Amino acid sequence: MDGVEPLRGGGPAAAVRDPRLFEEFYRRHVDAVMRFVARRVNDPHTAADLTAEIFLAVLDSAHSYQPRLGSETAWLYGIARNIVSSERRRIARETERDLRFSGRRLLEADDIARIEDRLDAERPARRMLAALAGLPEGERAVIELIAVDQLTVTEAAAVLGISQVTARVRLHRARKALRSEADPTVAKTTSDAALAYVVGRET
């Protein structure tokens, strides 16, 4: 999906055993992971925390990577999806907004500016995700990974733990539902254009 060759040392499993390889793994994938997160959150501190948490999760999950199921990036997206979902549930359970920010590390001004630039760049993708919010969870998850995160059907199926046939059926149903609500030939606003892209994209 991303055109990146696997690590010469053997992929994620080798990276977690060798600090040098892990640094190489991190540098190769951090931008893609940050983009994934930036499509789903709009706060730079949250984006930075979640990105760090995703790479920490690699230490426990490296053994689960199977190259035949997709690229390293697709595998990371599976981890990222779980962590972002957990964060959303955590925030939903909080009764006091201040708890959301307690204990967070302070970011340097340059870090905040860099992440804010990434958040701005991914604003159309967040609008696209909002347009998908009304779909059933299974269908929304498939079309989100394929149209927004640019995974293949095979990789999306692996991320979600479903068969390729099931992924294709859900994708078809999602597109059909979206076509019934929007004309993909008309793009009057940024969100309209995003929705048209989702409805019309070939895989």
N, C-alpha and C. Protein backbone atom coordinates (compact mmCIF):
# COMPACT_ATOMS: atom_id res chain seq x y z
N MET A 1 0.80 -1.20 0.00
CA MET A 1 0.00 0.00 0.00
C MET A 1 0.84 1.26 0.00
N ASP A 2 1.93 1.28 0.84
CA ASP A 2 2.73 2.49 0.95
C ASP A 2 4.02 2.42 0.16
N GLY A 3 4.31 1.26 -0.45
CA GLY A 3 5.50 1.13 -1.27
C GLY A 3 6.78 1.04 -0.50
N VAL A 4 6.72 0.86 0.83
CA VAL A 4 7.92 0.81 1.64
C VAL A 4 8.36 -0.64 1.80
N GLU A 5 9.62 -0.92 1.55
CA GLU A 5 10.12 -2.28 1.68
C GLU A 5 10.24 -2.65 3.16
N PRO A 6 10.07 -3.93 3.51
CA PRO A 6 10.22 -4.35 4.89
C PRO A 6 11.63 -4.10 5.40
N LEU A 7 11.79 -4.02 6.70
CA LEU A 7 13.10 -3.86 7.29
C LEU A 7 13.99 -5.04 6.92
N ARG A 8 15.23 -4.75 6.61
CA ARG A 8 16.16 -5.82 6.29
C ARG A 8 16.32 -6.77 7.47
N GLY A 9 16.16 -6.23 8.69
CA GLY A 9 16.34 -7.05 9.88
C GLY A 9 15.19 -7.97 10.17
N GLY A 10 14.10 -7.92 9.41
CA GLY A 10 13.02 -8.88 9.61
C GLY A 10 11.70 -8.28 10.05
N GLY A 11 11.53 -6.98 9.99
CA GLY A 11 10.24 -6.37 10.29
C GLY A 11 10.07 -6.00 11.75
N PRO A 12 8.81 -5.78 12.18
CA PRO A 12 8.55 -5.29 13.54
C PRO A 12 9.14 -6.19 14.63
N ALA A 13 9.06 -7.50 14.46
CA ALA A 13 9.57 -8.41 15.49
C ALA A 13 11.05 -8.18 15.75
N ALA A 14 11.81 -7.97 14.68
CA ALA A 14 13.24 -7.69 14.84
C ALA A 14 13.47 -6.29 15.40
N ALA A 15 12.63 -5.35 15.01
CA ALA A 15 12.80 -3.97 15.44
C ALA A 15 12.68 -3.82 16.95
N VAL A 16 11.77 -4.57 17.57
CA VAL A 16 11.59 -4.41 19.01
C VAL A 16 12.73 -5.05 19.80
N ARG A 17 13.57 -5.82 19.14
CA ARG A 17 14.72 -6.43 19.82
C ARG A 17 16.00 -5.63 19.64
N ASP A 18 15.97 -4.64 18.76
CA ASP A 18 17.17 -3.88 18.42
C ASP A 18 16.83 -2.39 18.39
N PRO A 19 17.35 -1.59 19.32
CA PRO A 19 17.02 -0.16 19.37
C PRO A 19 17.29 0.56 18.05
N ARG A 20 18.36 0.16 17.36
CA ARG A 20 18.67 0.82 16.09
C ARG A 20 17.59 0.54 15.05
N LEU A 21 17.17 -0.72 14.98
CA LEU A 21 16.12 -1.07 14.03
C LEU A 21 14.78 -0.45 14.42
N PHE A 22 14.53 -0.35 15.72
CA PHE A 22 13.28 0.26 16.14
C PHE A 22 13.25 1.74 15.77
N GLU A 23 14.38 2.42 15.93
CA GLU A 23 14.44 3.83 15.53
C GLU A 23 14.19 3.97 14.04
N GLU A 24 14.78 3.06 13.25
CA GLU A 24 14.56 3.08 11.80
C GLU A 24 13.08 2.84 11.48
N PHE A 25 12.49 1.86 12.17
CA PHE A 25 11.07 1.54 11.99
C PHE A 25 10.21 2.76 12.31
N TYR A 26 10.52 3.41 13.44
CA TYR A 26 9.77 4.60 13.86
C TYR A 26 9.87 5.71 12.82
N ARG A 27 11.07 6.00 12.36
CA ARG A 27 11.25 7.09 11.40
C ARG A 27 10.55 6.80 10.08
N ARG A 28 10.51 5.55 9.69
CA ARG A 28 9.86 5.19 8.43
C ARG A 28 8.35 5.35 8.48
N HIS A 29 7.77 5.16 9.66
CA HIS A 29 6.31 5.09 9.75
C HIS A 29 5.65 6.21 10.53
N VAL A 30 6.42 7.05 11.23
CA VAL A 30 5.80 8.03 12.12
C VAL A 30 4.91 9.01 11.36
N ASP A 31 5.31 9.43 10.16
CA ASP A 31 4.48 10.37 9.41
C ASP A 31 3.14 9.76 9.03
N ALA A 32 3.16 8.51 8.59
CA ALA A 32 1.91 7.85 8.21
C ALA A 32 1.00 7.67 9.41
N VAL A 33 1.58 7.30 10.55
CA VAL A 33 0.78 7.14 11.77
C VAL A 33 0.21 8.48 12.23
N MET A 34 1.02 9.52 12.17
CA MET A 34 0.53 10.84 12.57
C MET A 34 -0.60 11.29 11.66
N ARG A 35 -0.50 11.01 10.35
CA ARG A 35 -1.58 11.37 9.45
C ARG A 35 -2.87 10.63 9.82
N PHE A 36 -2.73 9.34 10.14
CA PHE A 36 -3.90 8.54 10.54
C PHE A 36 -4.57 9.18 11.75
N VAL A 37 -3.77 9.54 12.75
CA VAL A 37 -4.31 10.13 13.97
C VAL A 37 -4.92 11.51 13.68
N ALA A 38 -4.23 12.30 12.86
CA ALA A 38 -4.68 13.67 12.58
C ALA A 38 -6.01 13.71 11.83
N ARG A 39 -6.36 12.61 11.16
CA ARG A 39 -7.66 12.53 10.50
C ARG A 39 -8.79 12.34 11.51
N ARG A 40 -8.43 11.97 12.73
CA ARG A 40 -9.45 11.57 13.70
C ARG A 40 -9.51 12.43 14.95
N VAL A 41 -8.50 13.24 15.20
CA VAL A 41 -8.52 14.15 16.34
C VAL A 41 -8.10 15.54 15.87
N ASN A 42 -8.45 16.56 16.65
CA ASN A 42 -8.10 17.92 16.24
C ASN A 42 -7.32 18.68 17.31
N ASP A 43 -6.75 17.97 18.26
CA ASP A 43 -5.95 18.59 19.32
C ASP A 43 -4.52 18.10 19.21
N PRO A 44 -3.53 19.00 19.13
CA PRO A 44 -2.14 18.56 18.93
C PRO A 44 -1.59 17.72 20.07
N HIS A 45 -1.96 18.03 21.32
CA HIS A 45 -1.48 17.25 22.45
C HIS A 45 -2.01 15.81 22.38
N THR A 46 -3.30 15.69 22.06
CA THR A 46 -3.89 14.36 21.92
C THR A 46 -3.24 13.60 20.78
N ALA A 47 -3.01 14.28 19.64
CA ALA A 47 -2.38 13.63 18.49
C ALA A 47 -0.99 13.13 18.84
N ALA A 48 -0.22 13.94 19.56
CA ALA A 48 1.14 13.53 19.94
C ALA A 48 1.10 12.35 20.90
N ASP A 49 0.21 12.40 21.89
CA ASP A 49 0.11 11.31 22.87
C ASP A 49 -0.30 10.00 22.20
N LEU A 50 -1.30 10.07 21.31
CA LEU A 50 -1.78 8.85 20.67
C LEU A 50 -0.72 8.25 19.75
N THR A 51 0.01 9.11 19.03
CA THR A 51 1.08 8.61 18.16
C THR A 51 2.14 7.88 18.97
N ALA A 52 2.53 8.46 20.10
CA ALA A 52 3.52 7.80 20.96
C ALA A 52 2.97 6.48 21.50
N GLU A 53 1.70 6.47 21.88
CA GLU A 53 1.10 5.25 22.44
C GLU A 53 1.05 4.14 21.39
N ILE A 54 0.81 4.51 20.15
CA ILE A 54 0.76 3.51 19.08
C ILE A 54 2.11 2.81 18.93
N PHE A 55 3.19 3.58 18.96
CA PHE A 55 4.50 2.96 18.81
C PHE A 55 4.90 2.17 20.07
N LEU A 56 4.42 2.59 21.23
CA LEU A 56 4.65 1.78 22.42
C LEU A 56 3.92 0.44 22.30
N ALA A 57 2.73 0.47 21.70
CA ALA A 57 1.96 -0.77 21.54
C ALA A 57 2.67 -1.74 20.60
N VAL A 58 3.51 -1.22 19.71
CA VAL A 58 4.27 -2.09 18.81
C VAL A 58 5.13 -3.06 19.61
N LEU A 59 5.64 -2.61 20.75
CA LEU A 59 6.50 -3.46 21.57
C LEU A 59 5.79 -4.73 22.01
N ASP A 60 4.48 -4.62 22.25
CA ASP A 60 3.71 -5.79 22.70
C ASP A 60 3.08 -6.56 21.54
N SER A 61 2.96 -5.92 20.38
CA SER A 61 2.20 -6.52 19.28
C SER A 61 3.06 -6.96 18.11
N ALA A 62 4.37 -6.76 18.18
CA ALA A 62 5.23 -7.03 17.02
C ALA A 62 5.08 -8.45 16.50
N HIS A 63 4.86 -9.41 17.41
CA HIS A 63 4.76 -10.81 17.01
C HIS A 63 3.54 -11.08 16.13
N SER A 64 2.56 -10.16 16.15
CA SER A 64 1.31 -10.40 15.41
C SER A 64 1.39 -9.98 13.95
N TYR A 65 2.47 -9.31 13.55
CA TYR A 65 2.57 -8.85 12.16
C TYR A 65 2.79 -10.02 11.21
N GLN A 66 1.95 -10.10 10.18
CA GLN A 66 2.06 -11.14 9.15
C GLN A 66 2.12 -10.46 7.78
N PRO A 67 3.28 -10.44 7.14
CA PRO A 67 3.44 -9.74 5.86
C PRO A 67 2.43 -10.16 4.80
N ARG A 68 1.98 -11.40 4.82
CA ARG A 68 1.05 -11.86 3.78
C ARG A 68 -0.31 -11.16 3.89
N LEU A 69 -0.61 -10.57 5.04
CA LEU A 69 -1.90 -9.90 5.23
C LEU A 69 -1.85 -8.41 4.87
N GLY A 70 -0.68 -7.88 4.60
CA GLY A 70 -0.60 -6.47 4.24
C GLY A 70 0.71 -5.84 4.67
N SER A 71 0.84 -4.57 4.36
CA SER A 71 2.07 -3.84 4.65
C SER A 71 2.22 -3.54 6.14
N GLU A 72 3.43 -3.13 6.52
CA GLU A 72 3.67 -2.71 7.89
C GLU A 72 2.75 -1.55 8.25
N THR A 73 2.53 -0.63 7.30
CA THR A 73 1.68 0.52 7.57
C THR A 73 0.25 0.09 7.87
N ALA A 74 -0.27 -0.84 7.09
CA ALA A 74 -1.62 -1.33 7.34
C ALA A 74 -1.72 -1.98 8.71
N TRP A 75 -0.68 -2.73 9.09
CA TRP A 75 -0.65 -3.36 10.41
C TRP A 75 -0.66 -2.29 11.50
N LEU A 76 0.14 -1.24 11.31
CA LEU A 76 0.16 -0.13 12.28
C LEU A 76 -1.20 0.56 12.36
N TYR A 77 -1.87 0.68 11.22
CA TYR A 77 -3.20 1.29 11.23
C TYR A 77 -4.18 0.47 12.07
N GLY A 78 -4.02 -0.85 12.06
CA GLY A 78 -4.87 -1.67 12.91
C GLY A 78 -4.65 -1.37 14.38
N ILE A 79 -3.39 -1.23 14.78
CA ILE A 79 -3.07 -0.85 16.16
C ILE A 79 -3.61 0.54 16.45
N ALA A 80 -3.38 1.46 15.52
CA ALA A 80 -3.81 2.84 15.71
C ALA A 80 -5.31 2.94 15.86
N ARG A 81 -6.03 2.18 15.07
CA ARG A 81 -7.48 2.23 15.13
C ARG A 81 -7.98 1.81 16.51
N ASN A 82 -7.39 0.78 17.08
CA ASN A 82 -7.79 0.33 18.41
C ASN A 82 -7.48 1.38 19.47
N ILE A 83 -6.32 2.01 19.36
CA ILE A 83 -5.92 2.99 20.36
C ILE A 83 -6.77 4.25 20.26
N VAL A 84 -7.03 4.71 19.04
CA VAL A 84 -7.88 5.89 18.87
C VAL A 84 -9.30 5.61 19.39
N SER A 85 -9.81 4.42 19.11
CA SER A 85 -11.14 4.06 19.60
C SER A 85 -11.17 4.02 21.13
N SER A 86 -10.12 3.49 21.72
CA SER A 86 -10.04 3.45 23.18
C SER A 86 -10.01 4.85 23.77
N GLU A 87 -9.28 5.75 23.10
CA GLU A 87 -9.21 7.13 23.57
C GLU A 87 -10.58 7.80 23.50
N ARG A 88 -11.32 7.54 22.43
CA ARG A 88 -12.65 8.12 22.30
C ARG A 88 -13.56 7.62 23.41
N ARG A 89 -13.47 6.34 23.73
CA ARG A 89 -14.29 5.80 24.81
C ARG A 89 -13.89 6.40 26.15
N ARG A 90 -12.60 6.59 26.35
CA ARG A 90 -12.13 7.18 27.60
C ARG A 90 -12.68 8.58 27.78
N ILE A 91 -12.60 9.38 26.72
CA ILE A 91 -13.09 10.75 26.81
C ILE A 91 -14.59 10.77 27.06
N ALA A 92 -15.32 9.84 26.41
CA ALA A 92 -16.76 9.80 26.57
C ALA A 92 -17.15 9.50 28.01
N ARG A 93 -16.30 8.76 28.73
CA ARG A 93 -16.61 8.39 30.11
C ARG A 93 -16.26 9.50 31.11
N GLU A 94 -15.47 10.45 30.69
CA GLU A 94 -15.03 11.48 31.63
C GLU A 94 -16.16 12.44 31.96
N THR A 95 -16.25 12.81 33.20
CA THR A 95 -17.27 13.76 33.62
C THR A 95 -16.72 15.16 33.81
N GLU A 96 -15.42 15.30 33.89
CA GLU A 96 -14.81 16.61 34.04
C GLU A 96 -13.77 16.81 32.95
N ARG A 97 -13.91 17.88 32.21
CA ARG A 97 -13.00 18.15 31.09
C ARG A 97 -11.55 18.23 31.54
N ASP A 98 -11.29 18.72 32.72
CA ASP A 98 -9.90 18.87 33.17
C ASP A 98 -9.17 17.54 33.24
N LEU A 99 -9.89 16.44 33.46
CA LEU A 99 -9.25 15.14 33.54
C LEU A 99 -8.59 14.76 32.22
N ARG A 100 -9.12 15.31 31.13
CA ARG A 100 -8.58 14.99 29.81
C ARG A 100 -7.14 15.46 29.65
N PHE A 101 -6.81 16.54 30.37
CA PHE A 101 -5.49 17.15 30.18
C PHE A 101 -4.53 16.85 31.33
N SER A 102 -4.99 16.19 32.37
CA SER A 102 -4.12 15.95 33.52
C SER A 102 -3.01 14.98 33.15
N GLY A 103 -1.81 15.33 33.60
CA GLY A 103 -0.68 14.43 33.41
C GLY A 103 -0.08 14.42 32.02
N ARG A 104 -0.55 15.28 31.12
CA ARG A 104 0.03 15.29 29.77
C ARG A 104 1.37 16.02 29.78
N ARG A 105 2.28 15.51 28.97
CA ARG A 105 3.57 16.18 28.86
C ARG A 105 3.39 17.49 28.11
N LEU A 106 4.21 18.45 28.41
CA LEU A 106 4.15 19.73 27.72
C LEU A 106 4.88 19.63 26.39
N LEU A 107 4.28 20.15 25.35
CA LEU A 107 4.91 20.18 24.03
C LEU A 107 5.61 21.51 23.82
N GLU A 108 6.72 21.46 23.12
CA GLU A 108 7.40 22.68 22.72
C GLU A 108 6.56 23.40 21.67
N ALA A 109 6.78 24.71 21.55
CA ALA A 109 6.02 25.52 20.60
C ALA A 109 6.18 24.98 19.18
N ASP A 110 7.41 24.55 18.83
CA ASP A 110 7.64 24.02 17.49
C ASP A 110 6.87 22.72 17.27
N ASP A 111 6.78 21.90 18.32
CA ASP A 111 6.03 20.65 18.21
C ASP A 111 4.55 20.94 17.95
N ILE A 112 4.01 21.89 18.71
CA ILE A 112 2.60 22.23 18.55
C ILE A 112 2.33 22.78 17.15
N ALA A 113 3.22 23.64 16.68
CA ALA A 113 3.03 24.22 15.35
C ALA A 113 3.07 23.15 14.27
N ARG A 114 4.00 22.21 14.41
CA ARG A 114 4.12 21.13 13.42
C ARG A 114 2.87 20.26 13.41
N ILE A 115 2.39 19.90 14.60
CA ILE A 115 1.20 19.05 14.68
C ILE A 115 -0.03 19.81 14.21
N GLU A 116 -0.13 21.10 14.54
CA GLU A 116 -1.26 21.89 14.07
C GLU A 116 -1.29 21.96 12.55
N ASP A 117 -0.10 22.05 11.93
CA ASP A 117 -0.04 22.02 10.46
C ASP A 117 -0.57 20.70 9.93
N ARG A 118 -0.22 19.61 10.59
CA ARG A 118 -0.72 18.31 10.17
C ARG A 118 -2.24 18.22 10.35
N LEU A 119 -2.73 18.75 11.46
CA LEU A 119 -4.18 18.74 11.70
C LEU A 119 -4.91 19.55 10.64
N ASP A 120 -4.33 20.70 10.27
CA ASP A 120 -4.94 21.53 9.21
C ASP A 120 -4.97 20.77 7.89
N ALA A 121 -3.88 20.08 7.60
CA ALA A 121 -3.80 19.35 6.32
C ALA A 121 -4.81 18.23 6.26
N GLU A 122 -5.16 17.66 7.39
CA GLU A 122 -6.08 16.52 7.41
C GLU A 122 -7.53 16.93 7.69
N ARG A 123 -7.81 18.25 7.71
CA ARG A 123 -9.19 18.70 7.97
C ARG A 123 -10.19 18.13 6.95
N PRO A 124 -9.87 18.12 5.64
CA PRO A 124 -10.82 17.52 4.69
C PRO A 124 -11.11 16.06 5.00
N ALA A 125 -10.10 15.32 5.46
CA ALA A 125 -10.31 13.91 5.79
C ALA A 125 -11.23 13.78 7.00
N ARG A 126 -11.11 14.69 7.98
CA ARG A 126 -12.01 14.63 9.13
C ARG A 126 -13.43 14.94 8.70
N ARG A 127 -13.59 15.86 7.74
CA ARG A 127 -14.92 16.15 7.22
C ARG A 127 -15.50 14.92 6.50
N MET A 128 -14.62 14.23 5.78
CA MET A 128 -15.06 13.03 5.09
C MET A 128 -15.53 11.98 6.10
N LEU A 129 -14.77 11.82 7.18
CA LEU A 129 -15.15 10.85 8.20
C LEU A 129 -16.49 11.23 8.83
N ALA A 130 -16.71 12.53 9.01
CA ALA A 130 -17.99 12.98 9.56
C ALA A 130 -19.14 12.61 8.63
N ALA A 131 -18.87 12.67 7.32
CA ALA A 131 -19.91 12.33 6.35
C ALA A 131 -20.27 10.85 6.42
N LEU A 132 -19.35 10.03 6.95
CA LEU A 132 -19.59 8.59 7.03
C LEU A 132 -20.22 8.17 8.35
N ALA A 133 -20.42 9.13 9.25
CA ALA A 133 -20.82 8.80 10.62
C ALA A 133 -22.16 8.08 10.69
N GLY A 134 -23.03 8.32 9.71
CA GLY A 134 -24.35 7.71 9.77
C GLY A 134 -24.41 6.26 9.31
N LEU A 135 -23.31 5.75 8.78
CA LEU A 135 -23.29 4.36 8.31
C LEU A 135 -23.19 3.38 9.48
N PRO A 136 -23.68 2.15 9.31
CA PRO A 136 -23.44 1.13 10.33
C PRO A 136 -21.95 0.96 10.57
N GLU A 137 -21.57 0.60 11.79
CA GLU A 137 -20.16 0.56 12.18
C GLU A 137 -19.31 -0.29 11.23
N GLY A 138 -19.78 -1.48 10.90
CA GLY A 138 -18.98 -2.36 10.05
C GLY A 138 -18.72 -1.78 8.68
N GLU A 139 -19.75 -1.19 8.08
CA GLU A 139 -19.61 -0.59 6.75
C GLU A 139 -18.76 0.68 6.81
N ARG A 140 -18.97 1.46 7.85
CA ARG A 140 -18.19 2.69 7.99
C ARG A 140 -16.71 2.38 8.15
N ALA A 141 -16.38 1.36 8.95
CA ALA A 141 -14.99 1.03 9.19
C ALA A 141 -14.27 0.62 7.90
N VAL A 142 -14.94 -0.16 7.07
CA VAL A 142 -14.32 -0.60 5.82
C VAL A 142 -14.07 0.56 4.88
N ILE A 143 -15.09 1.38 4.64
CA ILE A 143 -14.92 2.46 3.67
C ILE A 143 -13.98 3.53 4.21
N GLU A 144 -13.93 3.68 5.53
CA GLU A 144 -12.99 4.62 6.14
C GLU A 144 -11.56 4.22 5.84
N LEU A 145 -11.24 2.94 6.06
CA LEU A 145 -9.87 2.48 5.85
C LEU A 145 -9.47 2.50 4.38
N ILE A 146 -10.42 2.24 3.49
CA ILE A 146 -10.11 2.18 2.06
C ILE A 146 -10.07 3.58 1.44
N ALA A 147 -11.11 4.38 1.67
CA ALA A 147 -11.21 5.67 0.99
C ALA A 147 -10.43 6.77 1.69
N VAL A 148 -10.37 6.73 3.03
CA VAL A 148 -9.69 7.79 3.77
C VAL A 148 -8.23 7.45 4.00
N ASP A 149 -7.97 6.22 4.45
CA ASP A 149 -6.60 5.83 4.80
C ASP A 149 -5.86 5.14 3.66
N GLN A 150 -6.54 4.94 2.51
CA GLN A 150 -5.91 4.44 1.30
C GLN A 150 -5.37 3.02 1.42
N LEU A 151 -6.02 2.19 2.22
CA LEU A 151 -5.66 0.78 2.27
C LEU A 151 -6.36 0.03 1.14
N THR A 152 -5.83 -1.12 0.79
CA THR A 152 -6.52 -1.99 -0.16
C THR A 152 -7.63 -2.74 0.58
N VAL A 153 -8.50 -3.39 -0.19
CA VAL A 153 -9.55 -4.19 0.44
C VAL A 153 -8.92 -5.30 1.29
N THR A 154 -7.87 -5.91 0.77
CA THR A 154 -7.18 -6.98 1.52
C THR A 154 -6.64 -6.47 2.83
N GLU A 155 -6.00 -5.32 2.81
CA GLU A 155 -5.42 -4.76 4.03
C GLU A 155 -6.51 -4.32 5.00
N ALA A 156 -7.57 -3.71 4.49
CA ALA A 156 -8.68 -3.30 5.37
C ALA A 156 -9.30 -4.50 6.05
N ALA A 157 -9.47 -5.59 5.29
CA ALA A 157 -10.02 -6.81 5.88
C ALA A 157 -9.12 -7.33 6.99
N ALA A 158 -7.80 -7.28 6.77
CA ALA A 158 -6.86 -7.75 7.80
C ALA A 158 -6.93 -6.88 9.04
N VAL A 159 -7.01 -5.56 8.85
CA VAL A 159 -7.09 -4.64 9.99
C VAL A 159 -8.32 -4.96 10.84
N LEU A 160 -9.44 -5.25 10.18
CA LEU A 160 -10.71 -5.45 10.87
C LEU A 160 -10.95 -6.90 11.29
N GLY A 161 -10.07 -7.80 10.83
CA GLY A 161 -10.24 -9.20 11.19
C GLY A 161 -11.42 -9.88 10.52
N ILE A 162 -11.70 -9.49 9.26
CA ILE A 162 -12.81 -10.07 8.50
C ILE A 162 -12.27 -10.61 7.18
N SER A 163 -13.09 -11.37 6.47
CA SER A 163 -12.65 -11.89 5.18
C SER A 163 -12.73 -10.81 4.11
N GLN A 164 -11.99 -11.02 3.00
CA GLN A 164 -12.04 -10.07 1.91
C GLN A 164 -13.44 -9.99 1.31
N VAL A 165 -14.13 -11.11 1.27
CA VAL A 165 -15.50 -11.11 0.73
C VAL A 165 -16.40 -10.23 1.59
N THR A 166 -16.30 -10.39 2.90
CA THR A 166 -17.10 -9.56 3.80
C THR A 166 -16.76 -8.09 3.64
N ALA A 167 -15.46 -7.79 3.48
CA ALA A 167 -15.03 -6.40 3.32
C ALA A 167 -15.63 -5.81 2.04
N ARG A 168 -15.62 -6.58 0.96
CA ARG A 168 -16.16 -6.09 -0.31
C ARG A 168 -17.67 -5.88 -0.23
N VAL A 169 -18.36 -6.77 0.45
CA VAL A 169 -19.81 -6.63 0.62
C VAL A 169 -20.12 -5.36 1.41
N ARG A 170 -19.38 -5.14 2.50
CA ARG A 170 -19.61 -3.95 3.31
C ARG A 170 -19.29 -2.68 2.54
N LEU A 171 -18.22 -2.73 1.74
CA LEU A 171 -17.86 -1.57 0.93
C LEU A 171 -18.96 -1.26 -0.07
N HIS A 172 -19.49 -2.28 -0.71
CA HIS A 172 -20.57 -2.08 -1.68
C HIS A 172 -21.79 -1.47 -1.00
N ARG A 173 -22.16 -2.00 0.16
CA ARG A 173 -23.32 -1.48 0.88
C ARG A 173 -23.12 -0.03 1.30
N ALA A 174 -21.91 0.29 1.75
CA ALA A 174 -21.62 1.65 2.18
C ALA A 174 -21.74 2.62 1.02
N ARG A 175 -21.16 2.26 -0.12
CA ARG A 175 -21.24 3.13 -1.29
C ARG A 175 -22.68 3.31 -1.75
N LYS A 176 -23.44 2.23 -1.71
CA LYS A 176 -24.84 2.30 -2.12
C LYS A 176 -25.61 3.25 -1.20
N ALA A 177 -25.36 3.17 0.10
CA ALA A 177 -26.04 4.05 1.05
C ALA A 177 -25.66 5.51 0.83
N LEU A 178 -24.38 5.74 0.56
CA LEU A 178 -23.92 7.11 0.35
C LEU A 178 -24.46 7.69 -0.95
N ARG A 179 -24.55 6.85 -2.00
CA ARG A 179 -25.08 7.33 -3.27
C ARG A 179 -26.54 7.74 -3.14
N SER A 180 -27.26 7.11 -2.23
CA SER A 180 -28.67 7.44 -2.07
C SER A 180 -28.87 8.79 -1.39
N GLU A 181 -27.78 9.31 -0.78
CA GLU A 181 -27.88 10.57 -0.05
C GLU A 181 -27.17 11.73 -0.72
N ALA A 182 -26.28 11.43 -1.68
CA ALA A 182 -25.49 12.50 -2.28
C ALA A 182 -25.24 12.22 -3.75
N ASP A 183 -25.18 13.27 -4.55
CA ASP A 183 -24.85 13.16 -5.96
C ASP A 183 -23.35 13.27 -6.11
N PRO A 184 -22.62 12.19 -6.43
CA PRO A 184 -21.16 12.24 -6.49
C PRO A 184 -20.63 13.11 -7.62
N THR A 185 -21.48 13.61 -8.51
CA THR A 185 -21.01 14.48 -9.59
C THR A 185 -21.03 15.94 -9.18
N VAL A 186 -21.59 16.22 -8.00
CA VAL A 186 -21.68 17.60 -7.55
C VAL A 186 -20.82 17.77 -6.32
N ALA A 187 -19.94 18.78 -6.33
CA ALA A 187 -19.06 19.03 -5.20
C ALA A 187 -19.05 20.52 -4.90
N LYS A 188 -20.04 20.97 -4.14
CA LYS A 188 -20.17 22.40 -3.87
C LYS A 188 -19.28 22.85 -2.72
N THR A 189 -18.99 21.95 -1.80
CA THR A 189 -18.17 22.28 -0.65
C THR A 189 -17.08 21.23 -0.50
N THR A 190 -16.14 21.52 0.41
CA THR A 190 -15.07 20.55 0.64
C THR A 190 -15.62 19.22 1.09
N SER A 191 -16.60 19.23 2.00
CA SER A 191 -17.16 17.97 2.47
C SER A 191 -17.92 17.26 1.37
N ASP A 192 -18.59 18.02 0.48
CA ASP A 192 -19.27 17.40 -0.65
C ASP A 192 -18.26 16.70 -1.55
N ALA A 193 -17.13 17.37 -1.79
CA ALA A 193 -16.10 16.78 -2.64
C ALA A 193 -15.54 15.51 -2.01
N ALA A 194 -15.34 15.54 -0.70
CA ALA A 194 -14.84 14.36 0.00
C ALA A 194 -15.82 13.21 -0.11
N LEU A 195 -17.10 13.52 0.06
CA LEU A 195 -18.12 12.48 -0.03
C LEU A 195 -18.19 11.91 -1.44
N ALA A 196 -18.08 12.78 -2.44
CA ALA A 196 -18.09 12.32 -3.83
C ALA A 196 -16.91 11.38 -4.09
N TYR A 197 -15.77 11.69 -3.50
CA TYR A 197 -14.59 10.84 -3.66
C TYR A 197 -14.83 9.46 -3.06
N VAL A 198 -15.41 9.45 -1.86
CA VAL A 198 -15.69 8.18 -1.20
C VAL A 198 -16.63 7.33 -2.03
N VAL A 199 -17.69 7.96 -2.56
CA VAL A 199 -18.70 7.22 -3.30
C VAL A 199 -18.16 6.70 -4.61
N GLY A 200 -17.32 7.47 -5.27
CA GLY A 200 -16.92 7.12 -6.62
C GLY A 200 -15.61 6.43 -6.77
N ARG A 201 -14.78 6.33 -5.72
CA ARG A 201 -13.43 5.80 -5.85
C ARG A 201 -13.46 4.33 -6.21
N GLU A 202 -12.61 3.93 -7.17
CA GLU A 202 -12.46 2.53 -7.54
C GLU A 202 -11.34 1.94 -6.70
N THR A 203 -11.45 0.65 -6.35
CA THR A 203 -10.39 -0.01 -5.57
C THR A 203 -9.73 -1.07 -6.44
